[in-house]
Amino acid sequence: MASVLKEILIEADPSDVWAVIGEFASAPLRMAPGFVTATRLDEPTVRVVTFADGTVARERLVALDNEARRLAYSVVGDTLRPTHNNASMQVFAHGAGHSRFVWIHDVQPDDLATSIAAAMDHGLGLFKHTLETGVRSSR
């Protein structure tokens, strides 16, 4: 099984970062507008995420911990069909008004790790920009 770990620092308060991540239904679209073109709930714990390249991921919520600011989910189908997938996102305080965001994907088959890592990198860049621009414009 391949494991992809990505971590970024964001110039935004952890509560602002969590306000985006902790909304399971809308988080992907709010994190990376343009890269993600649509999200919708299919069931209370299953969201369908559509990406600009046409990829569609059906994701099941595994855990949502508001206190730890951690969300875990699993890709369970649609056009992206790993044999195993587990992912988590967690927000940590990193000094006053800053956050450390950690995103981990464990996936099989291993060859999916390269494309997932590239998508995570792209999404994280947009997420950082979206949050930091929003924080600056609200000051």
C-alpha atoms as a PDB file:
ATOM      1  CA  MET A   1       0.000   0.000   0.000  1.00  0.00           C
ATOM      2  CA  ALA A   2       1.260   3.449  -0.891  1.00  0.00           C
ATOM      3  CA  SER A   3       1.002   6.326   1.530  1.00  0.00           C
ATOM      4  CA  VAL A   4       1.030   9.971   0.470  1.00  0.00           C
ATOM      5  CA  LEU A   5       1.555  12.624   3.138  1.00  0.00           C
ATOM      6  CA  LYS A   6       1.279  16.343   2.372  1.00  0.00           C
ATOM      7  CA  GLU A   7       1.696  19.171   4.833  1.00  0.00           C
ATOM      8  CA  ILE A   8       1.410  22.932   4.379  1.00  0.00           C
ATOM      9  CA  LEU A   9       1.497  26.035   6.539  1.00  0.00           C
ATOM     10  CA  ILE A  10      -1.409  28.423   6.102  1.00  0.00           C
ATOM     11  CA  GLU A  11      -1.571  32.030   7.252  1.00  0.00           C
ATOM     12  CA  ALA A  12      -5.024  31.586   8.762  1.00  0.00           C
ATOM     13  CA  ASP A  13      -6.390  30.747  12.180  1.00  0.00           C
ATOM     14  CA  PRO A  14      -7.007  27.003  12.712  1.00  0.00           C
ATOM     15  CA  SER A  15     -10.701  27.695  13.347  1.00  0.00           C
ATOM     16  CA  ASP A  16     -10.975  29.345   9.901  1.00  0.00           C
ATOM     17  CA  VAL A  17      -9.244  26.393   8.230  1.00  0.00           C
ATOM     18  CA  TRP A  18     -11.431  23.925  10.120  1.00  0.00           C
ATOM     19  CA  ALA A  19     -14.567  25.860   9.161  1.00  0.00           C
ATOM     20  CA  VAL A  20     -13.827  24.793   5.580  1.00  0.00           C
ATOM     21  CA  ILE A  21     -12.506  21.259   6.155  1.00  0.00           C
ATOM     22  CA  GLY A  22     -15.079  20.318   8.781  1.00  0.00           C
ATOM     23  CA  GLU A  23     -18.000  20.829   6.373  1.00  0.00           C
ATOM     24  CA  PHE A  24     -17.890  17.382   4.792  1.00  0.00           C
ATOM     25  CA  ALA A  25     -20.451  18.116   2.077  1.00  0.00           C
ATOM     26  CA  SER A  26     -18.880  21.296   0.718  1.00  0.00           C
ATOM     27  CA  ALA A  27     -15.210  21.154   1.763  1.00  0.00           C
ATOM     28  CA  PRO A  28     -13.683  20.053  -1.580  1.00  0.00           C
ATOM     29  CA  LEU A  29     -15.410  22.824  -3.538  1.00  0.00           C
ATOM     30  CA  ARG A  30     -14.517  25.423  -0.904  1.00  0.00           C
ATOM     31  CA  MET A  31     -10.911  24.183  -0.713  1.00  0.00           C
ATOM     32  CA  ALA A  32     -10.134  24.169  -4.410  1.00  0.00           C
ATOM     33  CA  PRO A  33     -12.679  26.085  -6.495  1.00  0.00           C
ATOM     34  CA  GLY A  34     -12.070  25.523 -10.184  1.00  0.00           C
ATOM     35  CA  PHE A  35     -10.101  22.304  -9.580  1.00  0.00           C
ATOM     36  CA  VAL A  36     -13.231  20.854  -7.969  1.00  0.00           C
ATOM     37  CA  THR A  37     -16.301  21.773  -9.998  1.00  0.00           C
ATOM     38  CA  ALA A  38     -19.077  20.219  -7.888  1.00  0.00           C
ATOM     39  CA  THR A  39     -19.825  18.414  -4.655  1.00  0.00           C
ATOM     40  CA  ARG A  40     -23.061  16.892  -3.461  1.00  0.00           C
ATOM     41  CA  LEU A  41     -24.241  14.576  -0.735  1.00  0.00           C
ATOM     42  CA  ASP A  42     -25.576  11.253  -2.001  1.00  0.00           C
ATOM     43  CA  GLU A  43     -26.249   9.985   1.518  1.00  0.00           C
ATOM     44  CA  PRO A  44     -25.669  11.675   4.875  1.00  0.00           C
ATOM     45  CA  THR A  45     -22.120  10.267   4.983  1.00  0.00           C
ATOM     46  CA  VAL A  46     -21.308   9.970   1.255  1.00  0.00           C
ATOM     47  CA  ARG A  47     -20.297  12.872  -0.953  1.00  0.00           C
ATOM     48  CA  VAL A  48     -19.686  12.892  -4.685  1.00  0.00           C
ATOM     49  CA  VAL A  49     -16.837  15.149  -5.803  1.00  0.00           C
ATOM     50  CA  THR A  50     -16.410  16.147  -9.456  1.00  0.00           C
ATOM     51  CA  PHE A  51     -13.055  17.472 -10.635  1.00  0.00           C
ATOM     52  CA  ALA A  52     -12.342  19.762 -13.585  1.00  0.00           C
ATOM     53  CA  ASP A  53     -10.691  16.910 -15.524  1.00  0.00           C
ATOM     54  CA  GLY A  54     -13.897  14.867 -15.320  1.00  0.00           C
ATOM     55  CA  THR A  55     -12.767  12.542 -12.536  1.00  0.00           C
ATOM     56  CA  VAL A  56     -15.547  11.752 -10.082  1.00  0.00           C
ATOM     57  CA  ALA A  57     -14.834  10.421  -6.579  1.00  0.00           C
ATOM     58  CA  ARG A  58     -17.448   8.974  -4.274  1.00  0.00           C
ATOM     59  CA  GLU A  59     -16.183   9.541  -0.715  1.00  0.00           C
ATOM     60  CA  ARG A  60     -17.527   8.056   2.520  1.00  0.00           C
ATOM     61  CA  LEU A  61     -17.079   9.934   5.794  1.00  0.00           C
ATOM     62  CA  VAL A  62     -15.227   7.733   8.279  1.00  0.00           C
ATOM     63  CA  ALA A  63     -14.762  10.138  11.199  1.00  0.00           C
ATOM     64  CA  LEU A  64     -15.287  13.800  11.994  1.00  0.00           C
ATOM     65  CA  ASP A  65     -13.675  15.097  15.180  1.00  0.00           C
ATOM     66  CA  ASN A  66     -14.351  18.792  15.742  1.00  0.00           C
ATOM     67  CA  GLU A  67     -12.223  18.944  18.890  1.00  0.00           C
ATOM     68  CA  ALA A  68      -9.136  17.471  17.183  1.00  0.00           C
ATOM     69  CA  ARG A  69     -10.033  19.255  13.912  1.00  0.00           C
ATOM     70  CA  ARG A  70      -9.662  15.975  12.037  1.00  0.00           C
ATOM     71  CA  LEU A  71     -11.704  14.468   9.221  1.00  0.00           C
ATOM     72  CA  ALA A  72     -11.208  10.963   7.829  1.00  0.00           C
ATOM     73  CA  TYR A  73     -12.794   9.620   4.666  1.00  0.00           C
ATOM     74  CA  SER A  74     -12.448   6.862   2.109  1.00  0.00           C
ATOM     75  CA  VAL A  75     -12.810   6.918  -1.670  1.00  0.00           C
ATOM     76  CA  VAL A  76     -15.312   4.165  -2.364  1.00  0.00           C
ATOM     77  CA  GLY A  77     -15.985   4.449  -6.077  1.00  0.00           C
ATOM     78  CA  ASP A  78     -17.250   6.255  -9.164  1.00  0.00           C
ATOM     79  CA  THR A  79     -14.604   6.930 -11.853  1.00  0.00           C
ATOM     80  CA  LEU A  80     -11.833   6.792  -9.228  1.00  0.00           C
ATOM     81  CA  ARG A  81     -11.856   3.170  -8.021  1.00  0.00           C
ATOM     82  CA  PRO A  82      -9.022   2.230  -5.689  1.00  0.00           C
ATOM     83  CA  THR A  83      -9.079  -1.235  -4.165  1.00  0.00           C
ATOM     84  CA  HIS A  84      -8.333   0.467  -0.838  1.00  0.00           C
ATOM     85  CA  ASN A  85      -8.303   4.105   0.187  1.00  0.00           C
ATOM     86  CA  ASN A  86      -8.239   5.871   3.487  1.00  0.00           C
ATOM     87  CA  ALA A  87      -7.523   9.567   3.874  1.00  0.00           C
ATOM     88  CA  SER A  88      -7.389  12.050   6.706  1.00  0.00           C
ATOM     89  CA  MET A  89      -7.107  15.810   6.991  1.00  0.00           C
ATOM     90  CA  GLN A  90      -6.133  17.529  10.204  1.00  0.00           C
ATOM     91  CA  VAL A  91      -5.587  21.143  11.209  1.00  0.00           C
ATOM     92  CA  PHE A  92      -3.092  22.145  13.910  1.00  0.00           C
ATOM     93  CA  ALA A  93      -2.296  25.531  15.420  1.00  0.00           C
ATOM     94  CA  HIS A  94       1.111  26.795  14.289  1.00  0.00           C
ATOM     95  CA  GLY A  95       1.724  30.031  16.140  1.00  0.00           C
ATOM     96  CA  ALA A  96      -0.673  32.935  16.433  1.00  0.00           C
ATOM     97  CA  GLY A  97      -3.078  33.098  13.494  1.00  0.00           C
ATOM     98  CA  HIS A  98      -1.348  30.319  11.551  1.00  0.00           C
ATOM     99  CA  SER A  99      -2.159  26.675  10.869  1.00  0.00           C
ATOM    100  CA  ARG A 100      -0.417  23.505   9.846  1.00  0.00           C
ATOM    101  CA  PHE A 101      -2.593  21.356   7.597  1.00  0.00           C
ATOM    102  CA  VAL A 102      -1.775  17.649   7.243  1.00  0.00           C
ATOM    103  CA  TRP A 103      -3.395  15.475   4.566  1.00  0.00           C
ATOM    104  CA  ILE A 104      -2.660  11.744   4.309  1.00  0.00           C
ATOM    105  CA  HIS A 105      -3.871   9.256   1.703  1.00  0.00           C
ATOM    106  CA  ASP A 106      -3.241   5.510   1.973  1.00  0.00           C
ATOM    107  CA  VAL A 107      -4.111   3.855  -1.320  1.00  0.00           C
ATOM    108  CA  GLN A 108      -3.992   0.611  -3.279  1.00  0.00           C
ATOM    109  CA  PRO A 109      -3.032  -0.092  -5.956  1.00  0.00           C
ATOM    110  CA  ASP A 110       0.258   1.682  -5.379  1.00  0.00           C
ATOM    111  CA  ASP A 111       0.333   3.213  -8.869  1.00  0.00           C
ATOM    112  CA  LEU A 112      -2.590   5.487  -7.926  1.00  0.00           C
ATOM    113  CA  ALA A 113      -0.320   7.286  -5.435  1.00  0.00           C
ATOM    114  CA  THR A 114       1.381   9.355  -8.144  1.00  0.00           C
ATOM    115  CA  SER A 115      -1.847  10.831  -9.512  1.00  0.00           C
ATOM    116  CA  ILE A 116      -3.314  11.287  -6.029  1.00  0.00           C
ATOM    117  CA  ALA A 117      -0.143  13.089  -4.882  1.00  0.00           C
ATOM    118  CA  ALA A 118      -0.303  15.414  -7.894  1.00  0.00           C
ATOM    119  CA  ALA A 119      -3.977  16.177  -7.233  1.00  0.00           C
ATOM    120  CA  MET A 120      -3.241  16.811  -3.557  1.00  0.00           C
ATOM    121  CA  ASP A 121      -0.405  19.210  -4.459  1.00  0.00           C
ATOM    122  CA  HIS A 122      -2.624  21.135  -6.848  1.00  0.00           C
ATOM    123  CA  GLY A 123      -5.535  21.222  -4.406  1.00  0.00           C
ATOM    124  CA  LEU A 124      -3.326  22.328  -1.514  1.00  0.00           C
ATOM    125  CA  GLY A 125      -1.940  25.259  -3.481  1.00  0.00           C
ATOM    126  CA  LEU A 126      -5.466  26.431  -4.240  1.00  0.00           C
ATOM    127  CA  PHE A 127      -6.592  25.816  -0.660  1.00  0.00           C
ATOM    128  CA  LYS A 128      -3.730  27.874   0.771  1.00  0.00           C
ATOM    129  CA  HIS A 129      -4.408  30.704  -1.681  1.00  0.00           C
ATOM    130  CA  THR A 130      -8.168  30.649  -1.081  1.00  0.00           C
ATOM    131  CA  LEU A 131      -7.838  30.761   2.707  1.00  0.00           C
ATOM    132  CA  GLU A 132      -5.021  33.293   2.866  1.00  0.00           C
ATOM    133  CA  THR A 133      -6.728  35.610   0.378  1.00  0.00           C
ATOM    134  CA  GLY A 134      -9.976  35.355   2.336  1.00  0.00           C
ATOM    135  CA  VAL A 135      -8.223  36.099   5.629  1.00  0.00           C
ATOM    136  CA  ARG A 136      -6.398  39.126   4.187  1.00  0.00           C
ATOM    137  CA  SER A 137      -9.541  40.546   2.594  1.00  0.00           C
ATOM    138  CA  SER A 138     -11.459  40.252   5.873  1.00  0.00           C
ATOM    139  CA  ARG A 139      -8.865  42.284   7.823  1.00  0.00           C
END
